[in-house]
């Protein structure tokens, strides 16, 4: 959220945060539609374990991404003046 606030131009910030919130809000109903019926087929314990494993793998991939790591670096004042 902080990166969004720092990187998005102030005139677009409200729109971007609104879309970000809408996309985040749709996750719960979609997850319930997908994992609810799946919980009847597969045990809940294994669902929690496998989704945790997938989250750990995604975390390692995102942490090792040079593009994402460089996005968190502070903007140098000279670069900000050029834009």
N, C-alpha and C. Protein backbone atom coordinates (compact mmCIF):
# COMPACT_ATOMS: atom_id res chain seq x y z
N UNK A 1 0.83 -1.18 0.00
CA UNK A 1 0.00 0.00 0.00
C UNK A 1 0.88 1.25 0.00
N UNK A 2 1.96 1.18 0.76
CA UNK A 2 2.87 2.33 0.81
C UNK A 2 3.52 2.56 -0.54
N UNK A 3 3.91 1.47 -1.22
CA UNK A 3 4.52 1.62 -2.54
C UNK A 3 3.53 2.25 -3.52
N UNK A 4 2.28 1.87 -3.44
CA UNK A 4 1.28 2.48 -4.31
C UNK A 4 1.18 3.98 -4.05
N UNK A 5 1.15 4.36 -2.79
CA UNK A 5 1.03 5.77 -2.44
C UNK A 5 2.24 6.57 -2.87
N UNK A 6 3.41 5.93 -2.87
CA UNK A 6 4.64 6.64 -3.26
C UNK A 6 4.81 6.70 -4.77
N UNK A 7 4.41 5.66 -5.48
CA UNK A 7 4.71 5.56 -6.91
C UNK A 7 3.63 6.12 -7.83
N UNK A 8 2.39 6.19 -7.36
CA UNK A 8 1.29 6.65 -8.21
C UNK A 8 1.19 8.17 -8.11
N UNK A 9 0.95 8.80 -9.24
CA UNK A 9 0.79 10.25 -9.26
C UNK A 9 -0.41 10.65 -8.40
N UNK A 10 -0.30 11.77 -7.67
CA UNK A 10 -1.37 12.16 -6.74
C UNK A 10 -2.75 12.31 -7.39
N UNK A 11 -2.80 12.73 -8.65
CA UNK A 11 -4.10 12.92 -9.29
C UNK A 11 -4.79 11.58 -9.62
N UNK A 12 -4.04 10.49 -9.64
CA UNK A 12 -4.61 9.17 -9.92
C UNK A 12 -4.70 8.29 -8.68
N UNK A 13 -4.22 8.75 -7.55
CA UNK A 13 -4.12 7.92 -6.37
C UNK A 13 -5.47 7.40 -5.89
N UNK A 14 -6.49 8.25 -5.87
CA UNK A 14 -7.81 7.81 -5.44
C UNK A 14 -8.38 6.72 -6.32
N UNK A 15 -8.20 6.87 -7.62
CA UNK A 15 -8.71 5.86 -8.55
C UNK A 15 -7.98 4.54 -8.39
N UNK A 16 -6.67 4.62 -8.27
CA UNK A 16 -5.87 3.40 -8.15
C UNK A 16 -6.20 2.67 -6.85
N UNK A 17 -6.32 3.40 -5.75
CA UNK A 17 -6.65 2.77 -4.49
C UNK A 17 -8.06 2.18 -4.50
N UNK A 18 -8.98 2.82 -5.21
CA UNK A 18 -10.34 2.27 -5.33
C UNK A 18 -10.33 0.94 -6.08
N UNK A 19 -9.61 0.89 -7.18
CA UNK A 19 -9.52 -0.36 -7.95
C UNK A 19 -8.81 -1.43 -7.12
N UNK A 20 -7.76 -1.05 -6.43
CA UNK A 20 -7.02 -1.98 -5.58
C UNK A 20 -7.94 -2.56 -4.50
N UNK A 21 -8.75 -1.72 -3.88
CA UNK A 21 -9.68 -2.18 -2.86
C UNK A 21 -10.76 -3.09 -3.45
N UNK A 22 -11.27 -2.74 -4.63
CA UNK A 22 -12.28 -3.59 -5.27
C UNK A 22 -11.71 -4.96 -5.60
N UNK A 23 -10.50 -5.01 -6.12
CA UNK A 23 -9.89 -6.31 -6.44
C UNK A 23 -9.63 -7.12 -5.19
N UNK A 24 -9.23 -6.45 -4.11
CA UNK A 24 -9.02 -7.16 -2.85
C UNK A 24 -10.31 -7.67 -2.25
N UNK A 25 -11.39 -6.94 -2.43
CA UNK A 25 -12.68 -7.33 -1.86
C UNK A 25 -13.30 -8.52 -2.58
N UNK A 26 -12.96 -8.71 -3.83
CA UNK A 26 -13.56 -9.81 -4.58
C UNK A 26 -12.89 -11.15 -4.23
N UNK A 27 -11.75 -11.11 -3.56
CA UNK A 27 -11.04 -12.34 -3.23
C UNK A 27 -11.79 -13.27 -2.31
N UNK A 28 -12.47 -12.73 -1.31
CA UNK A 28 -13.18 -13.58 -0.35
C UNK A 28 -14.34 -14.34 -1.00
N UNK A 29 -15.24 -13.69 -1.73
CA UNK A 29 -16.32 -14.46 -2.36
C UNK A 29 -15.82 -15.49 -3.39
N UNK A 30 -14.81 -15.12 -4.16
CA UNK A 30 -14.27 -16.06 -5.15
C UNK A 30 -13.61 -17.24 -4.45
N UNK A 31 -12.89 -16.97 -3.36
CA UNK A 31 -12.28 -18.05 -2.60
C UNK A 31 -13.31 -18.98 -1.99
N UNK A 32 -14.42 -18.41 -1.50
CA UNK A 32 -15.48 -19.24 -0.94
C UNK A 32 -16.14 -20.09 -2.02
N UNK A 33 -16.31 -19.53 -3.21
CA UNK A 33 -16.89 -20.31 -4.31
C UNK A 33 -15.99 -21.46 -4.72
N UNK A 34 -14.69 -21.24 -4.66
CA UNK A 34 -13.75 -22.26 -5.09
C UNK A 34 -13.45 -23.27 -3.98
N UNK A 35 -13.08 -22.78 -2.80
CA UNK A 35 -12.64 -23.67 -1.73
C UNK A 35 -13.78 -24.26 -0.92
N UNK A 36 -14.97 -23.66 -0.96
CA UNK A 36 -16.11 -24.23 -0.23
C UNK A 36 -16.46 -25.62 -0.72
N UNK A 37 -16.78 -25.76 -2.00
CA UNK A 37 -17.06 -27.12 -2.51
C UNK A 37 -15.84 -28.04 -2.45
N UNK A 38 -14.64 -27.46 -2.61
CA UNK A 38 -13.44 -28.29 -2.55
C UNK A 38 -13.25 -28.88 -1.15
N UNK A 39 -13.73 -28.17 -0.12
CA UNK A 39 -13.62 -28.66 1.25
C UNK A 39 -14.45 -29.91 1.48
N UNK A 40 -15.47 -30.13 0.65
CA UNK A 40 -16.26 -31.35 0.75
C UNK A 40 -15.54 -32.56 0.13
N UNK A 41 -14.65 -32.27 -0.80
CA UNK A 41 -13.94 -33.34 -1.51
C UNK A 41 -12.60 -33.66 -0.83
N UNK A 42 -11.85 -32.62 -0.50
CA UNK A 42 -10.51 -32.77 0.08
C UNK A 42 -10.59 -32.32 1.55
N UNK A 43 -9.79 -32.90 2.40
CA UNK A 43 -9.83 -32.52 3.81
C UNK A 43 -9.35 -31.08 4.00
N UNK A 44 -9.93 -30.41 4.97
CA UNK A 44 -9.59 -29.01 5.24
C UNK A 44 -8.12 -28.89 5.64
N UNK A 45 -7.61 -29.87 6.39
CA UNK A 45 -6.20 -29.83 6.81
C UNK A 45 -5.27 -29.78 5.61
N UNK A 46 -5.54 -30.63 4.62
CA UNK A 46 -4.66 -30.65 3.45
C UNK A 46 -4.81 -29.37 2.62
N UNK A 47 -6.03 -28.80 2.58
CA UNK A 47 -6.22 -27.52 1.88
C UNK A 47 -5.39 -26.43 2.53
N UNK A 48 -5.41 -26.37 3.87
CA UNK A 48 -4.63 -25.35 4.58
C UNK A 48 -3.14 -25.56 4.38
N UNK A 49 -2.70 -26.79 4.39
CA UNK A 49 -1.27 -27.07 4.20
C UNK A 49 -0.83 -26.67 2.80
N UNK A 50 -1.59 -27.10 1.78
CA UNK A 50 -1.17 -26.83 0.40
C UNK A 50 -1.27 -25.35 0.03
N UNK A 51 -2.30 -24.67 0.51
CA UNK A 51 -2.37 -23.23 0.24
C UNK A 51 -1.25 -22.49 0.96
N UNK A 52 -0.86 -22.96 2.15
CA UNK A 52 0.28 -22.37 2.85
C UNK A 52 1.58 -22.59 2.10
N UNK A 53 1.74 -23.79 1.55
CA UNK A 53 2.95 -24.08 0.76
C UNK A 53 3.01 -23.17 -0.47
N UNK A 54 1.87 -23.03 -1.14
CA UNK A 54 1.83 -22.16 -2.33
C UNK A 54 2.13 -20.71 -1.96
N UNK A 55 1.61 -20.26 -0.83
CA UNK A 55 1.89 -18.88 -0.39
C UNK A 55 3.37 -18.69 -0.08
N UNK A 56 3.99 -19.68 0.54
CA UNK A 56 5.43 -19.59 0.82
C UNK A 56 6.24 -19.54 -0.47
N UNK A 57 5.87 -20.36 -1.43
CA UNK A 57 6.58 -20.36 -2.72
C UNK A 57 6.42 -19.02 -3.41
N UNK A 58 5.20 -18.49 -3.43
CA UNK A 58 4.98 -17.17 -4.04
C UNK A 58 5.75 -16.08 -3.30
N UNK A 59 5.82 -16.18 -1.99
CA UNK A 59 6.58 -15.21 -1.21
C UNK A 59 8.06 -15.23 -1.57
N UNK A 60 8.61 -16.44 -1.75
CA UNK A 60 10.02 -16.54 -2.13
C UNK A 60 10.25 -16.00 -3.54
N UNK A 61 9.31 -16.27 -4.45
CA UNK A 61 9.45 -15.77 -5.81
C UNK A 61 9.39 -14.24 -5.81
N UNK A 62 8.43 -13.67 -5.10
CA UNK A 62 8.31 -12.22 -5.05
C UNK A 62 9.49 -11.58 -4.34
N UNK A 63 10.00 -12.22 -3.29
CA UNK A 63 11.14 -11.67 -2.57
C UNK A 63 12.40 -11.69 -3.42
N UNK A 64 12.53 -12.71 -4.29
CA UNK A 64 13.72 -12.81 -5.12
C UNK A 64 13.62 -12.00 -6.41
N UNK A 65 12.47 -11.39 -6.68
CA UNK A 65 12.29 -10.60 -7.90
C UNK A 65 13.03 -9.27 -7.78
N UNK A 66 13.97 -9.05 -8.67
CA UNK A 66 14.74 -7.80 -8.64
C UNK A 66 13.86 -6.60 -8.97
N UNK A 67 12.88 -6.78 -9.81
CA UNK A 67 11.98 -5.68 -10.18
C UNK A 67 11.18 -5.21 -8.96
N UNK A 68 10.63 -6.16 -8.21
CA UNK A 68 9.85 -5.79 -7.03
C UNK A 68 10.72 -5.21 -5.93
N UNK A 69 11.93 -5.74 -5.78
CA UNK A 69 12.83 -5.20 -4.76
C UNK A 69 13.27 -3.79 -5.11
N UNK A 70 13.49 -3.52 -6.40
CA UNK A 70 13.90 -2.17 -6.78
C UNK A 70 12.74 -1.18 -6.69
N UNK A 71 11.50 -1.67 -6.74
CA UNK A 71 10.35 -0.78 -6.61
C UNK A 71 10.26 -0.19 -5.21
N UNK A 72 10.81 -0.86 -4.22
CA UNK A 72 10.76 -0.36 -2.86
C UNK A 72 11.86 0.61 -2.51
N UNK A 73 12.80 0.82 -3.41
CA UNK A 73 13.88 1.76 -3.13
C UNK A 73 13.38 3.19 -3.21
N UNK A 74 13.94 4.08 -2.40
CA UNK A 74 13.49 5.48 -2.44
C UNK A 74 13.87 6.14 -3.76
N UNK A 75 13.03 7.05 -4.21
CA UNK A 75 13.27 7.77 -5.46
C UNK A 75 14.26 8.90 -5.18
N UNK A 76 15.31 8.97 -6.00
CA UNK A 76 16.29 10.03 -5.88
C UNK A 76 15.67 11.32 -6.35
N UNK A 77 15.95 12.44 -5.69
CA UNK A 77 15.32 13.72 -5.98
C UNK A 77 15.55 14.13 -7.43
N UNK A 78 16.73 13.89 -8.00
CA UNK A 78 17.02 14.27 -9.38
C UNK A 78 16.12 13.52 -10.35
N UNK A 79 15.84 12.23 -10.09
CA UNK A 79 14.96 11.46 -10.95
C UNK A 79 13.53 11.96 -10.86
N UNK A 80 13.12 12.35 -9.67
CA UNK A 80 11.75 12.84 -9.48
C UNK A 80 11.54 14.16 -10.22
N UNK A 81 12.56 14.98 -10.31
CA UNK A 81 12.45 16.26 -11.02
C UNK A 81 12.35 16.06 -12.52
N UNK A 82 12.95 14.99 -13.06
CA UNK A 82 12.90 14.71 -14.49
C UNK A 82 11.51 14.33 -14.95
N UNK A 83 10.74 13.68 -14.07
CA UNK A 83 9.40 13.19 -14.45
C UNK A 83 8.43 14.25 -14.36
